[in-house]
Amino acid sequence: MSRVKAAALRAPTSLEQATELLAQLATVVATIGAHDAQRVSAKQQIDAAADAYIVPLAAERDDLFKRLQPWYEANADDLTAGKRKSIELGGCTIGHRTTPPKLVFEHGKDADGVEALLHFGRTDGTLKTSAPSLVKPVILAELANGPTDPDAIPLELLGFAPKQSEEFFIEPIPAGVGPA
């Protein structure tokens, strides 16, 4: 494979040539700035036009959600026969779901949890080492599955626990998904 040499740069050889190149550079920079300003302005116009449609629709969506939640709460057992947490209805899935687990330290803030792990020698995988902070996914996994080290003090005894809650939701079913 042969190499192609780049063309040699033509450096100015006089003050006049340098002045000319600098004027050309200033023009190019100004043109770039003008095009960039046009781009920003066009994006702002697009955003404003989209917001003119989206903001009232979002308000309507929120109103419908607020109106449907008490109806579903009052009728959930009849709708689900008491066997499910959600149903498909009117092109949406509506019901309750369990939120993903979040880690809580029952004896204070995360910094207190870091201190507890350090004090009891539970730093393997549970703490980031650069600046000690909790590795929450690892701790949540251990809370769910038990410690990998049978001699380790259980994290529950140190005050760690997962926290989950039930939340009401409505999600439209994407077109082409679901029962035929």
Protein backbone atom coordinates (compact mmCIF):
# COMPACT_ATOMS: atom_id res chain seq x y z
CA MET A 1 0.00 0.00 0.00
CA SER A 2 1.50 3.29 -1.01
CA ARG A 3 1.22 6.46 1.04
CA VAL A 4 -0.04 9.67 -0.41
CA LYS A 5 1.71 12.72 0.89
CA ALA A 6 -0.38 15.63 2.00
CA ALA A 7 0.04 18.77 -0.04
CA ALA A 8 2.59 21.10 1.44
CA LEU A 9 1.05 24.01 3.30
CA ARG A 10 1.63 27.37 1.71
CA ALA A 11 2.63 29.61 4.55
CA PRO A 12 2.52 33.34 4.00
CA THR A 13 5.83 34.84 3.09
CA SER A 14 5.00 38.47 3.75
CA LEU A 15 3.00 40.68 6.08
CA GLU A 16 0.53 41.40 3.27
CA GLN A 17 -0.08 37.67 2.62
CA ALA A 18 -0.53 37.00 6.37
CA THR A 19 -2.97 39.94 6.63
CA GLU A 20 -4.93 38.56 3.67
CA LEU A 21 -5.11 35.06 5.22
CA LEU A 22 -6.15 36.50 8.57
CA ALA A 23 -8.95 38.48 6.90
CA GLN A 24 -10.05 35.29 5.12
CA LEU A 25 -9.98 33.39 8.43
CA ALA A 26 -12.06 36.11 10.12
CA THR A 27 -14.63 35.87 7.30
CA VAL A 28 -14.81 32.06 7.58
CA VAL A 29 -15.20 32.23 11.39
CA ALA A 30 -17.93 34.87 11.06
CA THR A 31 -19.75 32.76 8.45
CA ILE A 32 -19.57 29.69 10.74
CA GLY A 33 -20.95 31.80 13.59
CA ALA A 34 -23.81 33.08 11.45
CA HIS A 35 -24.74 29.56 10.32
CA ASP A 36 -24.53 28.31 13.90
CA ALA A 37 -26.80 31.17 15.05
CA GLN A 38 -29.28 30.25 12.28
CA ARG A 39 -29.19 26.62 13.46
CA VAL A 40 -29.90 27.65 17.06
CA SER A 41 -32.73 29.93 15.93
CA ALA A 42 -34.22 27.20 13.73
CA LYS A 43 -34.08 24.70 16.62
CA GLN A 44 -35.81 27.20 18.89
CA GLN A 45 -38.54 27.73 16.28
CA ILE A 46 -38.99 23.97 15.89
CA ASP A 47 -39.15 23.52 19.68
CA ALA A 48 -41.68 26.34 20.03
CA ALA A 49 -43.86 24.88 17.26
CA ALA A 50 -43.69 21.40 18.81
CA ASP A 51 -44.46 22.79 22.27
CA ALA A 52 -47.53 24.55 20.88
CA TYR A 53 -48.91 21.08 20.06
CA ILE A 54 -47.37 19.01 22.85
CA VAL A 55 -48.05 21.15 25.94
CA PRO A 56 -51.87 21.09 25.62
CA LEU A 57 -51.77 17.37 24.73
CA ALA A 58 -49.62 16.64 27.79
CA ALA A 59 -52.10 18.54 29.97
CA GLU A 60 -54.96 16.51 28.46
CA ARG A 61 -53.00 13.27 29.04
CA ASP A 62 -52.44 14.20 32.68
CA ASP A 63 -56.12 15.07 33.14
CA LEU A 64 -57.21 11.73 31.62
CA PHE A 65 -54.76 9.87 33.87
CA LYS A 66 -56.15 11.64 36.97
CA ARG A 67 -59.72 10.82 35.92
CA LEU A 68 -58.98 7.15 35.15
CA GLN A 69 -57.04 6.31 38.31
CA PRO A 70 -59.97 6.52 40.76
CA TRP A 71 -62.21 4.66 38.30
CA TYR A 72 -59.69 1.84 38.02
CA GLU A 73 -59.11 1.72 41.78
CA ALA A 74 -62.86 1.33 42.35
CA ASN A 75 -63.28 -1.34 39.66
CA ALA A 76 -59.95 -3.22 39.68
CA ASP A 77 -61.26 -6.39 41.33
CA ASP A 78 -64.11 -6.73 38.83
CA LEU A 79 -61.85 -5.92 35.87
CA THR A 80 -59.07 -8.32 36.84
CA ALA A 81 -61.21 -10.93 38.61
CA GLY A 82 -58.88 -10.31 41.54
CA LYS A 83 -56.15 -12.35 39.82
CA ARG A 84 -54.06 -9.75 38.03
CA LYS A 85 -52.58 -6.36 38.74
CA SER A 86 -53.30 -4.90 35.29
CA ILE A 87 -55.41 -5.39 32.19
CA GLU A 88 -55.45 -4.37 28.54
CA LEU A 89 -58.32 -2.06 27.77
CA GLY A 90 -58.96 0.56 25.12
CA GLY A 91 -55.53 0.21 23.52
CA CYS A 92 -53.71 0.62 26.85
CA THR A 93 -52.43 -1.46 29.71
CA ILE A 94 -53.84 -0.07 32.96
CA GLY A 95 -53.23 -1.20 36.51
CA HIS A 96 -50.63 -1.44 39.22
CA ARG A 97 -47.02 -2.53 39.09
CA THR A 98 -44.21 -2.92 41.56
CA THR A 99 -41.46 -0.36 41.21
CA PRO A 100 -37.85 -1.51 40.85
CA PRO A 101 -36.13 -1.90 44.22
CA LYS A 102 -34.31 1.07 45.68
CA LEU A 103 -31.74 0.73 48.40
CA VAL A 104 -32.44 2.33 51.75
CA PHE A 105 -30.19 2.50 54.79
CA GLU A 106 -32.50 2.49 57.78
CA HIS A 107 -30.01 4.15 60.13
CA GLY A 108 -29.31 7.31 58.21
CA LYS A 109 -27.95 8.53 54.91
CA ASP A 110 -25.73 6.77 52.37
CA ALA A 111 -22.62 8.13 54.12
CA ASP A 112 -23.74 6.36 57.31
CA GLY A 113 -24.17 3.16 55.32
CA VAL A 114 -20.64 3.52 53.96
CA GLU A 115 -19.35 3.88 57.54
CA ALA A 116 -21.24 0.75 58.62
CA LEU A 117 -19.79 -1.29 55.75
CA LEU A 118 -16.29 -0.03 56.49
CA HIS A 119 -16.68 -0.71 60.23
CA PHE A 120 -17.81 -4.28 59.70
CA GLY A 121 -15.36 -5.06 56.89
CA ARG A 122 -18.06 -5.48 54.22
CA THR A 123 -16.23 -3.57 51.48
CA ASP A 124 -15.85 -6.32 48.86
CA GLY A 125 -17.96 -5.16 45.93
CA THR A 126 -20.31 -3.11 48.10
CA LEU A 127 -18.22 0.09 48.02
CA LYS A 128 -16.53 2.07 45.28
CA THR A 129 -12.94 2.46 46.35
CA SER A 130 -11.95 5.80 44.78
CA ALA A 131 -14.19 7.78 47.11
CA PRO A 132 -16.12 5.32 49.26
CA SER A 133 -19.73 5.22 48.12
CA LEU A 134 -22.34 2.49 47.99
CA VAL A 135 -22.51 0.14 44.99
CA LYS A 136 -26.27 -0.10 45.20
CA PRO A 137 -26.86 -2.80 42.51
CA VAL A 138 -24.41 -5.15 44.28
CA ILE A 139 -26.01 -4.51 47.66
CA LEU A 140 -29.53 -5.00 46.26
CA ALA A 141 -28.44 -8.27 44.62
CA GLU A 142 -27.00 -9.51 47.90
CA LEU A 143 -30.16 -8.52 49.77
CA ALA A 144 -32.18 -10.52 47.23
CA ASN A 145 -29.89 -13.56 46.98
CA GLY A 146 -27.96 -13.65 50.24
CA PRO A 147 -24.25 -13.02 50.83
CA THR A 148 -21.66 -14.78 48.69
CA ASP A 149 -19.45 -15.12 51.78
CA PRO A 150 -21.23 -17.27 54.40
CA ASP A 151 -19.15 -15.66 57.18
CA ALA A 152 -20.13 -12.12 56.19
CA ILE A 153 -22.45 -10.12 58.42
CA PRO A 154 -25.81 -9.97 56.62
CA LEU A 155 -26.46 -6.54 55.18
CA GLU A 156 -29.96 -6.60 56.68
CA LEU A 157 -28.44 -6.61 60.17
CA LEU A 158 -26.46 -3.50 59.26
CA GLY A 159 -29.69 -1.72 58.34
CA PHE A 160 -29.84 -2.11 54.56
CA ALA A 161 -33.13 -3.02 52.90
CA PRO A 162 -34.75 -2.87 49.49
CA LYS A 163 -37.72 -0.55 49.14
CA GLN A 164 -40.42 -1.13 46.56
CA SER A 165 -43.89 0.29 46.18
CA GLU A 166 -46.94 -0.23 44.05
CA GLU A 167 -47.70 2.47 41.50
CA PHE A 168 -50.66 3.07 39.26
CA PHE A 169 -49.80 3.23 35.57
CA ILE A 170 -51.36 3.55 32.16
CA GLU A 171 -49.28 2.71 29.10
CA PRO A 172 -50.51 2.74 25.52
CA ILE A 173 -49.93 -0.55 23.73
CA PRO A 174 -47.71 0.05 20.67
CA ALA A 175 -49.44 -0.63 17.36
CA GLY A 176 -48.96 -4.19 16.18
CA VAL A 177 -48.33 -5.53 19.71
CA GLY A 178 -50.72 -7.55 21.76
CA PRO A 179 -53.45 -10.08 21.07
CA ALA A 180 -54.90 -10.24 17.59
